[in-house]
């Protein structure tokens, strides 16, 4: 899934492809924020990203969902 992280006081955003589920990512972010720690994950390329939880403005998750096109029964 694609994860986009927005940081406080930064105009841009960072995107990573990770193998976590949405629940795993949100649980890790929630735990980091509650404990004043870090969100730490490794993307599919093996690159590691570590963010201070209090510097994260938002986390956006996009899962691969197929879109149906056309008419007919689903």
C-alpha atoms as a PDB file:
ATOM      1  CA  UNK A   1       0.000   0.000   0.000  1.00  0.00           C
ATOM      2  CA  UNK A   2       1.082   3.574  -0.570  1.00  0.00           C
ATOM      3  CA  UNK A   3       1.655   5.680   2.552  1.00  0.00           C
ATOM      4  CA  UNK A   4       1.973   9.467   2.339  1.00  0.00           C
ATOM      5  CA  UNK A   5       3.344  11.330   5.360  1.00  0.00           C
ATOM      6  CA  UNK A   6       2.899  15.063   5.824  1.00  0.00           C
ATOM      7  CA  UNK A   7       5.183  16.823   8.296  1.00  0.00           C
ATOM      8  CA  UNK A   8       4.510  19.903  10.391  1.00  0.00           C
ATOM      9  CA  UNK A   9       5.969  23.130   8.939  1.00  0.00           C
ATOM     10  CA  UNK A  10       6.994  21.393   5.684  1.00  0.00           C
ATOM     11  CA  UNK A  11       5.256  22.235   2.411  1.00  0.00           C
ATOM     12  CA  UNK A  12       5.813  18.860   0.752  1.00  0.00           C
ATOM     13  CA  UNK A  13       4.959  15.317   1.638  1.00  0.00           C
ATOM     14  CA  UNK A  14       6.770  11.985   1.489  1.00  0.00           C
ATOM     15  CA  UNK A  15       5.347   8.799  -0.040  1.00  0.00           C
ATOM     16  CA  UNK A  16       6.418   5.215   0.549  1.00  0.00           C
ATOM     17  CA  UNK A  17       5.224   1.830  -0.670  1.00  0.00           C
ATOM     18  CA  UNK A  18       5.021  -0.518   2.328  1.00  0.00           C
ATOM     19  CA  UNK A  19       3.905  -4.086   2.946  1.00  0.00           C
ATOM     20  CA  UNK A  20       2.062  -3.278   6.177  1.00  0.00           C
ATOM     21  CA  UNK A  21      -1.691  -3.397   6.442  1.00  0.00           C
ATOM     22  CA  UNK A  22      -3.577  -0.195   7.115  1.00  0.00           C
ATOM     23  CA  UNK A  23      -4.318  -1.412  10.652  1.00  0.00           C
ATOM     24  CA  UNK A  24      -0.630  -2.125  11.369  1.00  0.00           C
ATOM     25  CA  UNK A  25       0.397   1.340  10.190  1.00  0.00           C
ATOM     26  CA  UNK A  26      -2.304   3.193  12.128  1.00  0.00           C
ATOM     27  CA  UNK A  27      -1.569   1.157  15.287  1.00  0.00           C
ATOM     28  CA  UNK A  28       2.151   1.968  14.986  1.00  0.00           C
ATOM     29  CA  UNK A  29       1.408   5.691  14.499  1.00  0.00           C
ATOM     30  CA  UNK A  30      -1.056   5.750  17.395  1.00  0.00           C
ATOM     31  CA  UNK A  31       1.445   4.010  19.703  1.00  0.00           C
ATOM     32  CA  UNK A  32       4.233   6.397  18.670  1.00  0.00           C
ATOM     33  CA  UNK A  33       2.065   9.468  19.318  1.00  0.00           C
ATOM     34  CA  UNK A  34       0.867   8.215  22.705  1.00  0.00           C
ATOM     35  CA  UNK A  35       4.403   7.375  23.840  1.00  0.00           C
ATOM     36  CA  UNK A  36       6.101  10.424  22.297  1.00  0.00           C
ATOM     37  CA  UNK A  37       8.220   8.110  20.174  1.00  0.00           C
ATOM     38  CA  UNK A  38       8.937   7.485  16.523  1.00  0.00           C
ATOM     39  CA  UNK A  39       7.103   6.013  13.548  1.00  0.00           C
ATOM     40  CA  UNK A  40       9.622   3.595  12.063  1.00  0.00           C
ATOM     41  CA  UNK A  41       9.059   1.457   8.962  1.00  0.00           C
ATOM     42  CA  UNK A  42      10.881  -0.052   5.995  1.00  0.00           C
ATOM     43  CA  UNK A  43       9.512   0.341   2.481  1.00  0.00           C
ATOM     44  CA  UNK A  44       9.349  -2.365  -0.200  1.00  0.00           C
ATOM     45  CA  UNK A  45      12.777  -1.309  -1.553  1.00  0.00           C
ATOM     46  CA  UNK A  46      14.374  -1.902   1.850  1.00  0.00           C
ATOM     47  CA  UNK A  47      14.795   1.800   2.672  1.00  0.00           C
ATOM     48  CA  UNK A  48      14.053   2.722   6.278  1.00  0.00           C
ATOM     49  CA  UNK A  49      12.089   5.809   7.316  1.00  0.00           C
ATOM     50  CA  UNK A  50      11.931   7.134  10.877  1.00  0.00           C
ATOM     51  CA  UNK A  51       9.729  10.089  11.846  1.00  0.00           C
ATOM     52  CA  UNK A  52       9.323  11.747  15.231  1.00  0.00           C
ATOM     53  CA  UNK A  53       5.645  11.214  15.999  1.00  0.00           C
ATOM     54  CA  UNK A  54       5.093  14.796  17.125  1.00  0.00           C
ATOM     55  CA  UNK A  55       6.399  16.126  13.784  1.00  0.00           C
ATOM     56  CA  UNK A  56       3.810  14.210  11.727  1.00  0.00           C
ATOM     57  CA  UNK A  57       0.882  16.352  10.594  1.00  0.00           C
ATOM     58  CA  UNK A  58      -0.984  13.529   8.834  1.00  0.00           C
ATOM     59  CA  UNK A  59      -0.697  10.022   7.419  1.00  0.00           C
ATOM     60  CA  UNK A  60      -2.617   9.177   4.270  1.00  0.00           C
ATOM     61  CA  UNK A  61      -3.067   5.565   3.156  1.00  0.00           C
ATOM     62  CA  UNK A  62      -3.974   4.404  -0.327  1.00  0.00           C
ATOM     63  CA  UNK A  63      -4.654   0.734  -0.806  1.00  0.00           C
ATOM     64  CA  UNK A  64      -4.899  -0.913  -4.195  1.00  0.00           C
ATOM     65  CA  UNK A  65      -8.584  -1.135  -4.900  1.00  0.00           C
ATOM     66  CA  UNK A  66      -9.802  -2.134  -8.309  1.00  0.00           C
ATOM     67  CA  UNK A  67     -12.296   0.177  -9.898  1.00  0.00           C
ATOM     68  CA  UNK A  68     -15.250  -1.230 -11.734  1.00  0.00           C
ATOM     69  CA  UNK A  69     -16.067   0.322 -15.074  1.00  0.00           C
ATOM     70  CA  UNK A  70     -19.119  -0.221 -17.205  1.00  0.00           C
ATOM     71  CA  UNK A  71     -22.572  -1.599 -16.710  1.00  0.00           C
ATOM     72  CA  UNK A  72     -23.750  -4.912 -15.385  1.00  0.00           C
ATOM     73  CA  UNK A  73     -23.965  -6.799 -12.174  1.00  0.00           C
ATOM     74  CA  UNK A  74     -21.182  -6.624  -9.667  1.00  0.00           C
END
